[in-house]
Amino acid sequence: MAKVAFLGLGVMGAPMAGHLVKAGHEVTVYNRTFAKAEAWVATHGGRAAKTPREAAGGQDFVMACVGNDADLAGVCRGDDGAFAGMGKGAIFVDHTTVSSGITLALSAEAAALGLGFVDAPVSGGQAGAENGVLSIMCGGTEADYTAAEPVMQAYGRTVKRLGESGAGQIAKMMNQICIAGLVQGLSEALRFGEKAGMDGKAVVEVISGGAAGSWQMNNRHATMLDGKFDYGFAVDWMRKDLGICLQTADEIGAPLPMTALVDQFYKDVQQMGGGRWDTSSLIERLRRLS
């Protein structure tokens, strides 16, 4: 079993770190609010550290799941950053959804220090993290990935290397682009059915097994019809992710017309006060339009 640090104990990171303990790894945790790290240790065991550097010291692997580019840079760099505490040969595994630019920069910095680096954003939401069945999209060298894969399997059902550094983040962008279109399409269909006087749940029972079926349909249609939007990934975070997608698309010359449109629809949801609602709340925007 490995010695592992986990940085960031949010709705994703806390259960992911918990699965590492269950798998038998020796776990040290860090969270910006130290009391949260202490509470996690009281529940799961392990050790709490007051800085990323302290958490990373002597570890084989340092996993991170924080908020955005700036948060990731903050836990990696500087005198109190994880890179300063990691020993040569240790591997940093980043589960945050960030830009490929910060990934490439940190990967290069890690290599210069004799450290490994794997970008490994996840999909599956809070439920996937809690149940240990996340999909993990990875970029990095074959050697770094091969070393880190058994550790990630503690909370990942599908773990796959997709290329060199940055490939994991590009794959996560593709994932979010797909989700945006699927949720908007499902929202329009369900609202259309409501306006036409149909029983949406009965219709989904019929069509979900056909070509229209999707994870979003199977797992979110009922809560969408009931107007409940506290079942997963928040709109605020989805807009962050879609912003990364759109910025990258502009850089590489890939048109994303549907994604740009749905991003604006999510902006409308934020303006309705739904920034913390889950992404399926696009249907509520349609309800308020008609």
Protein backbone atom coordinates (compact mmCIF):
# COMPACT_ATOMS: atom_id res chain seq x y z
CA MET A 1 0.00 0.00 0.00
CA ALA A 2 1.13 3.55 -0.70
CA LYS A 3 1.70 6.66 1.38
CA VAL A 4 -0.72 9.21 -0.08
CA ALA A 5 -1.55 12.86 0.55
CA PHE A 6 -4.91 14.24 -0.54
CA LEU A 7 -5.32 18.00 -0.98
CA GLY A 8 -8.86 19.35 -0.98
CA LEU A 9 -11.77 17.86 0.96
CA GLY A 10 -14.80 19.22 -0.86
CA VAL A 11 -17.83 17.20 -1.97
CA MET A 12 -15.59 15.21 -4.32
CA GLY A 13 -12.28 15.10 -2.49
CA ALA A 14 -13.56 14.04 0.93
CA PRO A 15 -15.15 10.77 -0.23
CA MET A 16 -12.28 10.07 -2.66
CA ALA A 17 -9.78 10.35 0.17
CA GLY A 18 -12.02 8.12 2.27
CA HIS A 19 -11.82 5.37 -0.35
CA LEU A 20 -8.02 5.54 -0.16
CA VAL A 21 -8.20 4.71 3.55
CA LYS A 22 -10.62 1.84 2.86
CA ALA A 23 -8.17 0.49 0.27
CA GLY A 24 -5.48 0.32 2.94
CA HIS A 25 -3.35 3.31 1.97
CA GLU A 26 -1.69 5.55 4.56
CA VAL A 27 -3.45 8.90 4.04
CA THR A 28 -2.58 12.46 5.05
CA VAL A 29 -5.09 15.18 4.18
CA TYR A 30 -4.94 18.91 3.70
CA ASN A 31 -7.80 21.39 3.37
CA ARG A 32 -7.67 25.16 3.25
CA THR A 33 -9.93 25.16 6.33
CA PHE A 34 -7.91 23.06 8.76
CA ALA A 35 -10.94 22.25 10.92
CA LYS A 36 -12.42 20.39 7.97
CA ALA A 37 -9.30 18.26 7.68
CA GLU A 38 -9.42 17.52 11.41
CA ALA A 39 -13.07 16.51 11.14
CA TRP A 40 -12.25 14.20 8.22
CA VAL A 41 -9.49 12.53 10.23
CA ALA A 42 -11.85 12.07 13.18
CA THR A 43 -14.16 10.13 10.86
CA HIS A 44 -11.73 8.24 8.63
CA GLY A 45 -8.40 8.13 10.43
CA GLY A 46 -5.11 9.21 8.91
CA ARG A 47 -3.42 12.52 9.61
CA ALA A 48 -4.25 16.19 8.96
CA ALA A 49 -1.60 18.64 7.76
CA LYS A 50 -1.69 22.43 7.96
CA THR A 51 0.01 23.11 4.61
CA PRO A 52 0.26 21.29 1.27
CA ARG A 53 4.02 21.06 1.82
CA GLU A 54 3.57 19.34 5.17
CA ALA A 55 0.99 16.96 3.68
CA ALA A 56 3.26 16.09 0.73
CA GLY A 57 6.39 15.38 2.76
CA GLY A 58 7.48 11.74 2.50
CA GLN A 59 4.51 10.69 0.37
CA ASP A 60 4.61 8.40 -2.66
CA PHE A 61 1.64 10.17 -4.25
CA VAL A 62 -0.01 13.53 -3.76
CA MET A 63 -3.58 13.76 -5.07
CA ALA A 64 -5.43 17.07 -5.44
CA CYS A 65 -9.05 17.96 -6.05
CA VAL A 66 -9.49 21.71 -5.61
CA GLY A 67 -11.50 24.43 -7.34
CA ASN A 68 -9.80 26.06 -10.31
CA ASP A 69 -6.49 27.03 -11.92
CA ALA A 70 -5.55 29.48 -9.18
CA ASP A 71 -6.40 27.01 -6.40
CA LEU A 72 -4.32 24.31 -8.05
CA ALA A 73 -1.34 26.62 -8.55
CA GLY A 74 -1.69 27.67 -4.92
CA VAL A 75 -1.42 24.15 -3.52
CA CYS A 76 1.49 23.25 -5.82
CA ARG A 77 3.75 26.29 -5.84
CA GLY A 78 5.56 28.38 -3.24
CA ASP A 79 7.33 27.67 0.01
CA ASP A 80 4.24 26.00 1.47
CA GLY A 81 3.25 24.25 -1.77
CA ALA A 82 3.21 20.51 -2.33
CA PHE A 83 6.09 20.56 -4.82
CA ALA A 84 8.36 21.96 -2.11
CA GLY A 85 7.61 19.02 0.14
CA MET A 86 7.66 16.14 -2.34
CA GLY A 87 10.71 13.93 -2.68
CA LYS A 88 12.22 13.02 -6.03
CA GLY A 89 10.24 10.30 -7.76
CA ALA A 90 6.97 11.13 -6.00
CA ILE A 91 3.97 11.63 -8.30
CA PHE A 92 1.43 14.45 -8.20
CA VAL A 93 -2.04 13.46 -9.46
CA ASP A 94 -4.43 16.32 -10.21
CA HIS A 95 -8.15 15.50 -10.18
CA THR A 96 -9.21 19.14 -10.57
CA THR A 97 -10.87 20.28 -13.79
CA VAL A 98 -8.57 23.06 -14.97
CA SER A 99 -7.19 24.52 -18.18
CA SER A 100 -4.66 22.53 -20.16
CA GLY A 101 -2.38 25.58 -19.89
CA ILE A 102 -1.92 25.33 -16.12
CA THR A 103 -1.60 21.55 -16.45
CA LEU A 104 1.26 21.83 -18.95
CA ALA A 105 2.99 24.49 -16.84
CA LEU A 106 2.79 22.49 -13.61
CA SER A 107 3.78 19.27 -15.35
CA ALA A 108 6.93 20.95 -16.65
CA GLU A 109 7.72 22.40 -13.23
CA ALA A 110 7.25 18.98 -11.64
CA ALA A 111 9.55 17.33 -14.18
CA ALA A 112 12.27 19.91 -13.50
CA LEU A 113 12.09 18.96 -9.82
CA GLY A 114 12.30 15.24 -10.53
CA LEU A 115 8.60 14.69 -9.79
CA GLY A 116 5.93 12.86 -11.76
CA PHE A 117 2.67 14.55 -12.78
CA VAL A 118 -0.62 13.07 -14.00
CA ASP A 119 -3.61 15.21 -14.95
CA ALA A 120 -6.62 13.09 -14.04
CA PRO A 121 -9.95 14.98 -14.02
CA VAL A 122 -12.96 12.94 -13.02
CA SER A 123 -16.56 12.48 -14.10
CA GLY A 124 -19.41 10.95 -12.14
CA GLY A 125 -20.29 13.71 -9.73
CA GLN A 126 -20.68 13.54 -5.98
CA ALA A 127 -22.52 10.21 -6.16
CA GLY A 128 -19.70 8.71 -8.21
CA ALA A 129 -17.13 9.93 -5.69
CA GLU A 130 -19.11 8.60 -2.73
CA ASN A 131 -19.63 5.21 -4.38
CA GLY A 132 -16.07 4.94 -5.70
CA VAL A 133 -17.16 4.57 -9.34
CA LEU A 134 -15.69 7.66 -11.00
CA SER A 135 -14.48 7.81 -14.59
CA ILE A 136 -10.92 9.17 -14.57
CA MET A 137 -9.38 10.65 -17.73
CA CYS A 138 -5.60 10.79 -17.55
CA GLY A 139 -2.69 12.49 -19.24
CA GLY A 140 1.01 12.08 -18.50
CA THR A 141 3.90 9.75 -19.16
CA GLU A 142 3.21 6.03 -19.36
CA ALA A 143 5.48 5.44 -16.35
CA ASP A 144 3.77 8.00 -14.12
CA TYR A 145 0.32 6.77 -15.10
CA THR A 146 1.20 3.11 -14.57
CA ALA A 147 2.48 3.88 -11.06
CA ALA A 148 -0.57 5.98 -10.11
CA GLU A 149 -3.32 3.85 -11.66
CA PRO A 150 -3.61 1.31 -8.80
CA VAL A 151 -4.06 4.14 -6.30
CA MET A 152 -6.74 5.84 -8.41
CA GLN A 153 -8.63 2.55 -8.68
CA ALA A 154 -9.64 3.04 -5.04
CA TYR A 155 -12.32 5.45 -6.28
CA GLY A 156 -12.35 4.97 -10.06
CA ARG A 157 -14.38 2.43 -12.01
CA THR A 158 -12.90 3.48 -15.36
CA VAL A 159 -9.32 4.77 -15.29
CA LYS A 160 -7.55 5.33 -18.60
CA ARG A 161 -4.50 7.13 -19.95
CA LEU A 162 -5.42 9.10 -23.07
CA GLY A 163 -2.09 10.65 -23.97
CA GLU A 164 0.67 12.91 -22.74
CA SER A 165 0.28 15.73 -20.21
CA GLY A 166 -2.89 17.73 -20.81
CA ALA A 167 -4.79 14.91 -22.55
CA GLY A 168 -6.87 14.24 -19.45
CA GLN A 169 -8.05 17.85 -19.32
CA ILE A 170 -8.95 17.85 -23.03
CA ALA A 171 -10.98 14.67 -22.48
CA LYS A 172 -12.80 16.31 -19.55
CA MET A 173 -13.66 19.27 -21.78
CA MET A 174 -15.15 16.84 -24.30
CA ASN A 175 -17.15 15.28 -21.46
CA GLN A 176 -18.58 18.64 -20.37
CA ILE A 177 -19.43 19.61 -23.96
CA CYS A 178 -21.44 16.40 -24.27
CA ILE A 179 -23.24 16.94 -20.96
CA ALA A 180 -24.23 20.50 -21.85
CA GLY A 181 -25.99 19.38 -25.02
CA LEU A 182 -27.62 16.35 -23.41
CA VAL A 183 -29.07 18.30 -20.48
CA GLN A 184 -30.42 21.06 -22.71
CA GLY A 185 -32.03 18.54 -25.04
CA LEU A 186 -33.58 16.64 -22.14
CA SER A 187 -34.83 19.89 -20.59
CA GLU A 188 -36.51 20.94 -23.82
CA ALA A 189 -38.12 17.52 -24.29
CA LEU A 190 -39.48 17.35 -20.74
CA ARG A 191 -40.81 20.92 -20.84
CA PHE A 192 -42.35 20.28 -24.25
CA GLY A 193 -44.13 17.26 -22.76
CA GLU A 194 -45.35 19.29 -19.78
CA LYS A 195 -46.84 21.92 -22.07
CA ALA A 196 -48.49 19.21 -24.17
CA GLY A 197 -50.07 17.61 -21.08
CA MET A 198 -47.99 14.42 -21.16
CA ASP A 199 -46.87 12.29 -18.20
CA GLY A 200 -43.12 12.86 -18.52
CA LYS A 201 -42.12 9.96 -16.30
CA ALA A 202 -44.25 7.55 -18.31
CA VAL A 203 -42.81 8.82 -21.58
CA VAL A 204 -39.23 8.44 -20.31
CA GLU A 205 -40.01 4.86 -19.29
CA VAL A 206 -40.77 4.18 -22.96
CA ILE A 207 -38.04 6.17 -24.70
CA SER A 208 -35.11 5.72 -22.33
CA GLY A 209 -34.34 2.29 -23.73
CA GLY A 210 -34.09 3.62 -27.28
CA ALA A 211 -31.81 5.98 -29.15
CA ALA A 212 -32.78 8.94 -26.94
CA GLY A 213 -31.60 7.27 -23.76
CA SER A 214 -28.70 8.65 -21.71
CA TRP A 215 -27.30 8.74 -18.18
CA GLN A 216 -28.86 12.18 -17.77
CA MET A 217 -32.28 10.87 -18.79
CA ASN A 218 -32.08 7.82 -16.54
CA ASN A 219 -30.77 9.64 -13.48
CA ARG A 220 -32.19 13.17 -13.69
CA HIS A 221 -35.57 13.13 -15.46
CA ALA A 222 -37.61 12.48 -12.31
CA THR A 223 -35.93 15.17 -10.23
CA MET A 224 -36.17 17.62 -13.13
CA LEU A 225 -39.92 16.99 -13.43
CA ASP A 226 -40.26 17.41 -9.64
CA GLY A 227 -38.33 20.69 -9.72
CA LYS A 228 -35.56 19.43 -7.43
CA PHE A 229 -32.06 20.58 -8.28
CA ASP A 230 -29.74 19.57 -5.46
CA TYR A 231 -28.51 16.28 -6.91
CA GLY A 232 -25.08 16.96 -8.27
CA PHE A 233 -22.66 19.26 -10.04
CA ALA A 234 -23.48 22.95 -9.48
CA VAL A 235 -24.22 25.44 -12.26
CA ASP A 236 -21.43 27.72 -11.01
CA TRP A 237 -18.90 24.94 -11.53
CA MET A 238 -20.35 23.98 -14.89
CA ARG A 239 -19.93 27.55 -16.11
CA LYS A 240 -16.32 27.45 -14.95
CA ASP A 241 -15.78 24.27 -16.94
CA LEU A 242 -17.59 25.51 -20.05
CA GLY A 243 -15.51 28.69 -19.90
CA ILE A 244 -12.39 26.52 -20.12
CA CYS A 245 -13.92 24.62 -23.04
CA LEU A 246 -14.76 27.81 -24.93
CA GLN A 247 -11.36 29.38 -24.28
CA THR A 248 -9.57 26.27 -25.50
CA ALA A 249 -11.85 26.02 -28.52
CA ASP A 250 -10.94 29.57 -29.46
CA GLU A 251 -7.23 28.77 -29.10
CA ILE A 252 -7.35 25.68 -31.33
CA GLY A 253 -9.98 26.91 -33.79
CA ALA A 254 -12.73 24.40 -32.96
CA PRO A 255 -16.29 25.81 -33.22
CA LEU A 256 -18.56 25.09 -30.25
CA PRO A 257 -21.84 26.85 -31.15
CA MET A 258 -24.10 24.64 -29.03
CA THR A 259 -21.78 24.83 -26.02
CA ALA A 260 -21.60 28.61 -26.25
CA LEU A 261 -25.40 28.82 -26.33
CA VAL A 262 -25.92 26.48 -23.37
CA ASP A 263 -23.28 28.39 -21.42
CA GLN A 264 -25.44 31.49 -21.79
CA PHE A 265 -28.49 29.51 -20.66
CA TYR A 266 -26.58 28.55 -17.52
CA LYS A 267 -25.76 32.22 -17.05
CA ASP A 268 -29.53 32.86 -17.07
CA VAL A 269 -29.94 30.22 -14.35
CA GLN A 270 -27.28 31.97 -12.26
CA GLN A 271 -29.16 35.24 -12.65
CA MET A 272 -32.30 33.44 -11.44
CA GLY A 273 -30.43 32.64 -8.23
CA GLY A 274 -29.63 29.07 -9.25
CA GLY A 275 -25.86 29.11 -9.19
CA ARG A 276 -25.78 26.30 -6.62
CA TRP A 277 -28.52 24.29 -8.31
CA ASP A 278 -27.33 21.22 -10.19
CA THR A 279 -26.87 21.31 -13.95
CA SER A 280 -30.26 19.76 -14.69
CA SER A 281 -31.86 23.07 -13.64
CA LEU A 282 -31.87 24.20 -17.28
CA ILE A 283 -35.49 23.01 -17.34
CA GLU A 284 -36.39 25.65 -14.74
CA ARG A 285 -35.18 28.35 -17.12
CA LEU A 286 -37.59 27.01 -19.75
CA ARG A 287 -40.46 26.91 -17.25
CA ARG A 288 -39.96 30.58 -16.47
CA LEU A 289 -39.98 31.41 -20.17
CA SER A 290 -43.33 29.70 -20.77
